[in-house]
């Protein structure tokens, strides 16, 4: 066999392997649309583009401001376990702290398009500088939404897939226990097939029904990038399971982000509790209008917004006319 023929054979084999994983997922979960349909785009196909290659889409790609309003309050229909499995698939392997913030923020999904625009416009800020900008701008969103601003790719994914985000938020409010059980089922499947394992980025603490994923460094989070059509199914012979989950750059979450719930966020998996600042988060479908968060120091807009920090970016990249 020539080198050219061998290369062609390898490409065909890889393509067939990827297609078989997606087909298996679609057969087990017939309501889960294949990645090619775009309803729930898997991370490996554009959820987290590499830094510097369009990671922060321009504001025009998000729904216009005000398009998504606070939902009505009629009791939603309950989702079956199979539906919940497919719903949480794209986020089930997130580290616990980030997953808790995603679940709570999804219940305020109508705020995410504006938050994604803000994150896009401030992508040059990180760490304590980002926290300072959040305070300066008096952002009006729920603390759980603000807590995701250090993760612009996550906010962008949720804003660009609003039907999925709103469905997730409804499920969290109406049947949180079932949502958490679905996360555990998906983690157990990924662990069973060898994809979910401890690595240099995160520890995986395996306990049946209570699998935890925590950062190796509690102040440094890495967002996993994976295809749900692969990591929850048995690998084909010869498939390298160690390459199915990737990680980008570390995101520093220091003490400056404590006002937005990062002072102690995670889960009590056994009793189906979402923890914020080490306190249970008790918002449900019934009390969602009146619920008061357990944040130690919730930060809400109390005055006019400012944008003084943006001038620092102009000083770095703008010309004299722009600075004036």
Foldseek 3Di string as FASTA:
>chain_A
DDPVVVVVVVVVVVVVQLVVLQVVLCVQQVVQDRCVVPLQNALVPPLAPAPPPCRQPALVLFPDQPPDDQDDQDQDDADDLSVLLSLCLRPLPFAFQLSLLLLQVLLVLSCLSVLLNVLSLPVVDADPRLLVQCQQFQDADFLSNVLCSLPSSVSVSCRNNVVSSNVSSQCCQAPLLSNLQSSLLQVVLLVVQPQDADDQFWHWDDDRQDIGIAGPDNQKGWGKGAGSSHSNDHGDPPDDSPPRIDTHGIGGHDPSSLQSQSCDFGAPRVVSFTAGNNHGADRHSVCVVPDDGPRPHHRRRDDHGDDVVVLVVCVVPNDPVVND
